[in-house]
Amino acid sequence: MEPEWRDVVGYEGLYQVCSDGRVRSLPRRGGNSRTYGGQLLAAGADMAGYPKVALNRDHISRSARVHVLVAAAFLGPRADGMEIRHLNGVKTDNRLENLAYGSSAENMQDTLRLGRHPQGSKTHCPKGHPYSETNTRVYRGFRYCLTCDRVRTRRRGKPVETAA
C-alpha cells in the first residue's frame, strides 16, 4: 500500500501527516520573503514514550502526539469516551493499520492479549490459587479467583462469633 499524505487537522496548508506515521511541514514564505518548511519533522518522545512533534501556527508552538495526528487525519474525529488504540501494543508504531478508536476497556484487553499488562503475567491469586479458566472470573477488566470468592461469600453468611 502506497503511503498517503493528508493535512494535519487544524494546521491545514502548514503540515501534513502520512499514513505510515511521518509528519512534514509544507513549504511557505515568511514575512521577509524567505522560504520555510518543506521537510520531515523530527519526532521526540513525551514523558510516556509516545512520539511527538512541534507544530507552529501564528508564532505559537504546540506539541502533538503523532498517533493523535494520524488518527484525526485518517480515522476522523474521535467520539467522546474513546481512546486511540495501538493494536500491536507498540506506542512508537504510528502506522494507520496499527491504530483504531476504541473504549478504555478495549485498550486494556489489548494490553492483556499482548501480555503487556503488569498483572497479566501472574498465574496465581495472592492466596496461591491458580488463575485457570475454571477458577477465574473477569469483571470490569479485573480477574477474580473464584475459590477466594466462594470463601468470602461463606464467611459473610456465617454469624459473627462472640466471646462468652
C-alpha atoms as a PDB file:
ATOM      1  CA  MET A   1       0.000   0.000   0.000  1.00  0.00           C
ATOM      2  CA  GLU A   2       1.378   3.369  -1.035  1.00  0.00           C
ATOM      3  CA  PRO A   3       1.727   5.864   1.851  1.00  0.00           C
ATOM      4  CA  GLU A   4      -0.820   8.671   1.687  1.00  0.00           C
ATOM      5  CA  TRP A   5      -0.309  12.240   2.940  1.00  0.00           C
ATOM      6  CA  ARG A   6      -3.139  14.313   4.417  1.00  0.00           C
ATOM      7  CA  ASP A   7      -3.311  17.723   6.048  1.00  0.00           C
ATOM      8  CA  VAL A   8      -2.927  17.823   9.839  1.00  0.00           C
ATOM      9  CA  VAL A   9      -6.318  18.744  11.298  1.00  0.00           C
ATOM     10  CA  GLY A  10      -6.171  22.353  12.497  1.00  0.00           C
ATOM     11  CA  TYR A  11      -2.929  23.016  10.586  1.00  0.00           C
ATOM     12  CA  GLU A  12      -4.181  22.715   7.001  1.00  0.00           C
ATOM     13  CA  GLY A  13      -1.718  24.119   4.480  1.00  0.00           C
ATOM     14  CA  LEU A  14       1.095  24.103   7.069  1.00  0.00           C
ATOM     15  CA  TYR A  15       1.679  20.447   7.972  1.00  0.00           C
ATOM     16  CA  GLN A  16       0.816  17.016   6.623  1.00  0.00           C
ATOM     17  CA  VAL A  17       0.799  13.573   8.212  1.00  0.00           C
ATOM     18  CA  CYS A  18       1.460  10.320   6.407  1.00  0.00           C
ATOM     19  CA  SER A  19      -0.394   7.022   6.820  1.00  0.00           C
ATOM     20  CA  ASP A  20       2.925   5.481   7.883  1.00  0.00           C
ATOM     21  CA  GLY A  21       3.308   7.900  10.817  1.00  0.00           C
ATOM     22  CA  ARG A  22       5.610  10.590   9.435  1.00  0.00           C
ATOM     23  CA  VAL A  23       4.883  14.313   9.749  1.00  0.00           C
ATOM     24  CA  ARG A  24       6.175  17.034   7.424  1.00  0.00           C
ATOM     25  CA  SER A  25       5.938  20.782   7.152  1.00  0.00           C
ATOM     26  CA  LEU A  26       4.854  22.296   3.866  1.00  0.00           C
ATOM     27  CA  PRO A  27       6.943  24.981   2.160  1.00  0.00           C
ATOM     28  CA  ARG A  28       5.768  28.530   2.828  1.00  0.00           C
ATOM     29  CA  ARG A  29       7.104  32.054   2.612  1.00  0.00           C
ATOM     30  CA  GLY A  30       7.957  34.068   5.697  1.00  0.00           C
ATOM     31  CA  GLY A  31       7.500  37.816   6.203  1.00  0.00           C
ATOM     32  CA  ASN A  32      10.994  38.535   4.861  1.00  0.00           C
ATOM     33  CA  SER A  33      10.318  36.511   1.667  1.00  0.00           C
ATOM     34  CA  ARG A  34      12.361  33.545   2.950  1.00  0.00           C
ATOM     35  CA  THR A  35      11.057  30.050   2.304  1.00  0.00           C
ATOM     36  CA  TYR A  36      10.395  27.870   5.359  1.00  0.00           C
ATOM     37  CA  GLY A  37       9.364  24.262   5.846  1.00  0.00           C
ATOM     38  CA  GLY A  38       9.153  21.561   3.254  1.00  0.00           C
ATOM     39  CA  GLN A  39      10.828  18.897   5.390  1.00  0.00           C
ATOM     40  CA  LEU A  40      10.120  15.931   7.614  1.00  0.00           C
ATOM     41  CA  LEU A  41       9.778  16.787  11.292  1.00  0.00           C
ATOM     42  CA  ALA A  42      11.972  15.045  13.830  1.00  0.00           C
ATOM     43  CA  ALA A  43       9.850  13.366  16.473  1.00  0.00           C
ATOM     44  CA  GLY A  44      10.888  13.405  20.092  1.00  0.00           C
ATOM     45  CA  ALA A  45       9.291  11.383  22.872  1.00  0.00           C
ATOM     46  CA  ASP A  46       6.972  12.655  25.576  1.00  0.00           C
ATOM     47  CA  MET A  47       7.105  11.534  29.219  1.00  0.00           C
ATOM     48  CA  ALA A  48       5.056   8.413  28.437  1.00  0.00           C
ATOM     49  CA  GLY A  49       7.265   7.423  25.472  1.00  0.00           C
ATOM     50  CA  TYR A  50       4.858   8.421  22.672  1.00  0.00           C
ATOM     51  CA  PRO A  51       6.457  10.189  19.672  1.00  0.00           C
ATOM     52  CA  LYS A  52       5.543  13.880  19.451  1.00  0.00           C
ATOM     53  CA  VAL A  53       6.294  16.755  17.107  1.00  0.00           C
ATOM     54  CA  ALA A  54       6.213  20.542  17.471  1.00  0.00           C
ATOM     55  CA  LEU A  55       3.687  22.366  15.295  1.00  0.00           C
ATOM     56  CA  ASN A  56       3.779  26.152  14.796  1.00  0.00           C
ATOM     57  CA  ARG A  57       0.994  28.479  13.702  1.00  0.00           C
ATOM     58  CA  ASP A  58       0.797  32.255  14.182  1.00  0.00           C
ATOM     59  CA  HIS A  59       4.049  32.246  16.200  1.00  0.00           C
ATOM     60  CA  ILE A  60       2.599  29.771  18.710  1.00  0.00           C
ATOM     61  CA  SER A  61       4.337  26.413  19.101  1.00  0.00           C
ATOM     62  CA  ARG A  62       2.404  23.410  20.286  1.00  0.00           C
ATOM     63  CA  SER A  63       3.460  19.773  20.641  1.00  0.00           C
ATOM     64  CA  ALA A  64       1.217  16.947  19.468  1.00  0.00           C
ATOM     65  CA  ARG A  65       1.479  13.183  19.699  1.00  0.00           C
ATOM     66  CA  VAL A  66       1.977  11.664  16.259  1.00  0.00           C
ATOM     67  CA  HIS A  67      -0.628   8.901  16.716  1.00  0.00           C
ATOM     68  CA  VAL A  68      -3.251  11.556  17.532  1.00  0.00           C
ATOM     69  CA  LEU A  69      -2.425  13.409  14.287  1.00  0.00           C
ATOM     70  CA  VAL A  70      -2.589  10.210  12.195  1.00  0.00           C
ATOM     71  CA  ALA A  71      -5.902   9.134  13.729  1.00  0.00           C
ATOM     72  CA  ALA A  72      -7.522  12.555  13.300  1.00  0.00           C
ATOM     73  CA  ALA A  73      -6.458  12.819   9.652  1.00  0.00           C
ATOM     74  CA  PHE A  74      -7.303   9.264   8.575  1.00  0.00           C
ATOM     75  CA  LEU A  75      -9.893   7.886  11.033  1.00  0.00           C
ATOM     76  CA  GLY A  76     -11.839  11.115  11.519  1.00  0.00           C
ATOM     77  CA  PRO A  77     -12.900  12.817  14.738  1.00  0.00           C
ATOM     78  CA  ARG A  78     -12.690  10.822  17.951  1.00  0.00           C
ATOM     79  CA  ALA A  79     -16.002  10.232  19.735  1.00  0.00           C
ATOM     80  CA  ASP A  80     -16.362  11.164  23.401  1.00  0.00           C
ATOM     81  CA  GLY A  81     -15.004   8.490  25.719  1.00  0.00           C
ATOM     82  CA  MET A  82     -12.950   6.808  23.009  1.00  0.00           C
ATOM     83  CA  GLU A  83      -9.179   6.310  23.030  1.00  0.00           C
ATOM     84  CA  ILE A  84      -6.652   5.663  20.299  1.00  0.00           C
ATOM     85  CA  ARG A  85      -5.503   2.058  20.470  1.00  0.00           C
ATOM     86  CA  HIS A  86      -2.135   0.777  19.239  1.00  0.00           C
ATOM     87  CA  LEU A  87      -3.261  -2.654  18.049  1.00  0.00           C
ATOM     88  CA  ASN A  88       0.191  -4.239  18.279  1.00  0.00           C
ATOM     89  CA  GLY A  89       0.938  -2.583  21.632  1.00  0.00           C
ATOM     90  CA  VAL A  90       3.958  -0.646  20.348  1.00  0.00           C
ATOM     91  CA  LYS A  91       3.429   3.028  21.163  1.00  0.00           C
ATOM     92  CA  THR A  92       6.086   4.145  18.653  1.00  0.00           C
ATOM     93  CA  ASP A  93       4.356   2.337  15.749  1.00  0.00           C
ATOM     94  CA  ASN A  94       2.055   5.056  14.400  1.00  0.00           C
ATOM     95  CA  ARG A  95       1.115   3.444  11.092  1.00  0.00           C
ATOM     96  CA  LEU A  96      -2.569   3.784  10.184  1.00  0.00           C
ATOM     97  CA  GLU A  97      -3.105  -0.002  10.128  1.00  0.00           C
ATOM     98  CA  ASN A  98      -1.891  -0.164  13.760  1.00  0.00           C
ATOM     99  CA  LEU A  99      -4.317   2.500  15.043  1.00  0.00           C
ATOM    100  CA  ALA A 100      -8.017   2.287  15.891  1.00  0.00           C
ATOM    101  CA  TYR A 101     -10.504   4.078  18.088  1.00  0.00           C
ATOM    102  CA  GLY A 102     -11.847   2.079  21.000  1.00  0.00           C
ATOM    103  CA  SER A 103     -13.014   2.201  24.568  1.00  0.00           C
ATOM    104  CA  SER A 104     -10.758   2.118  27.595  1.00  0.00           C
ATOM    105  CA  ALA A 105     -11.851  -1.478  28.183  1.00  0.00           C
ATOM    106  CA  GLU A 106     -10.815  -2.471  24.636  1.00  0.00           C
ATOM    107  CA  ASN A 107      -7.468  -0.771  25.157  1.00  0.00           C
ATOM    108  CA  MET A 108      -7.000  -2.770  28.381  1.00  0.00           C
ATOM    109  CA  GLN A 109      -7.988  -6.005  26.615  1.00  0.00           C
ATOM    110  CA  ASP A 110      -5.283  -5.278  24.004  1.00  0.00           C
ATOM    111  CA  THR A 111      -2.771  -4.916  26.825  1.00  0.00           C
ATOM    112  CA  LEU A 112      -3.828  -8.233  28.343  1.00  0.00           C
ATOM    113  CA  ARG A 113      -3.954 -10.000  24.959  1.00  0.00           C
ATOM    114  CA  LEU A 114      -0.434  -8.870  24.121  1.00  0.00           C
ATOM    115  CA  GLY A 115       0.905  -9.891  27.537  1.00  0.00           C
ATOM    116  CA  ARG A 116       1.931  -6.330  28.428  1.00  0.00           C
ATOM    117  CA  HIS A 117      -0.310  -5.809  31.458  1.00  0.00           C
ATOM    118  CA  PRO A 118       1.725  -5.891  34.706  1.00  0.00           C
ATOM    119  CA  GLN A 119      -0.883  -8.111  36.411  1.00  0.00           C
ATOM    120  CA  GLY A 120      -1.472 -10.264  33.335  1.00  0.00           C
ATOM    121  CA  SER A 121       1.603 -12.429  33.836  1.00  0.00           C
ATOM    122  CA  LYS A 122       0.502 -13.578  37.278  1.00  0.00           C
ATOM    123  CA  THR A 123      -0.593 -17.210  37.257  1.00  0.00           C
ATOM    124  CA  HIS A 124      -1.952 -17.402  40.811  1.00  0.00           C
ATOM    125  CA  CYS A 125      -4.054 -15.210  43.100  1.00  0.00           C
ATOM    126  CA  PRO A 126      -2.488 -13.724  46.269  1.00  0.00           C
ATOM    127  CA  LYS A 127      -3.735 -16.779  48.239  1.00  0.00           C
ATOM    128  CA  GLY A 128      -1.994 -19.164  45.833  1.00  0.00           C
ATOM    129  CA  HIS A 129      -4.997 -20.449  43.827  1.00  0.00           C
ATOM    130  CA  PRO A 130      -4.332 -20.824  40.088  1.00  0.00           C
ATOM    131  CA  TYR A 131      -5.836 -18.380  37.606  1.00  0.00           C
ATOM    132  CA  SER A 132      -7.264 -21.102  35.412  1.00  0.00           C
ATOM    133  CA  GLU A 133     -10.194 -20.881  33.029  1.00  0.00           C
ATOM    134  CA  THR A 134     -12.489 -22.626  35.530  1.00  0.00           C
ATOM    135  CA  ASN A 135     -11.245 -20.704  38.584  1.00  0.00           C
ATOM    136  CA  THR A 136     -11.201 -17.157  37.169  1.00  0.00           C
ATOM    137  CA  ARG A 137     -13.918 -14.556  36.696  1.00  0.00           C
ATOM    138  CA  VAL A 138     -13.215 -11.378  34.743  1.00  0.00           C
ATOM    139  CA  TYR A 139     -15.252  -8.368  35.791  1.00  0.00           C
ATOM    140  CA  ARG A 140     -14.640  -4.823  34.529  1.00  0.00           C
ATOM    141  CA  GLY A 141     -11.173  -5.752  33.332  1.00  0.00           C
ATOM    142  CA  PHE A 142     -10.041  -7.387  36.599  1.00  0.00           C
ATOM    143  CA  ARG A 143      -9.505 -11.076  37.332  1.00  0.00           C
ATOM    144  CA  TYR A 144     -11.053 -12.629  40.417  1.00  0.00           C
ATOM    145  CA  CYS A 145     -10.235 -16.001  41.934  1.00  0.00           C
ATOM    146  CA  LEU A 146     -13.479 -17.986  42.246  1.00  0.00           C
ATOM    147  CA  THR A 147     -12.120 -20.104  45.128  1.00  0.00           C
ATOM    148  CA  CYS A 148     -11.374 -16.974  47.179  1.00  0.00           C
ATOM    149  CA  ASP A 149     -14.740 -15.533  46.139  1.00  0.00           C
ATOM    150  CA  ARG A 150     -16.557 -18.630  47.462  1.00  0.00           C
ATOM    151  CA  VAL A 151     -14.663 -18.413  50.778  1.00  0.00           C
ATOM    152  CA  ARG A 152     -15.595 -14.727  51.145  1.00  0.00           C
ATOM    153  CA  THR A 153     -19.238 -15.491  50.385  1.00  0.00           C
ATOM    154  CA  ARG A 154     -19.347 -18.280  53.021  1.00  0.00           C
ATOM    155  CA  ARG A 155     -17.778 -16.026  55.649  1.00  0.00           C
ATOM    156  CA  ARG A 156     -20.365 -13.302  55.033  1.00  0.00           C
ATOM    157  CA  GLY A 157     -23.234 -15.730  55.606  1.00  0.00           C
ATOM    158  CA  LYS A 158     -21.930 -17.068  58.964  1.00  0.00           C
ATOM    159  CA  PRO A 159     -22.927 -15.366  62.193  1.00  0.00           C
ATOM    160  CA  VAL A 160     -20.151 -13.492  63.943  1.00  0.00           C
ATOM    161  CA  GLU A 161     -18.773 -15.477  66.889  1.00  0.00           C
ATOM    162  CA  THR A 162     -18.684 -13.551  70.143  1.00  0.00           C
ATOM    163  CA  ALA A 163     -16.586 -14.258  73.221  1.00  0.00           C
ATOM    164  CA  ALA A 164     -18.569 -15.617  76.240  1.00  0.00           C
END
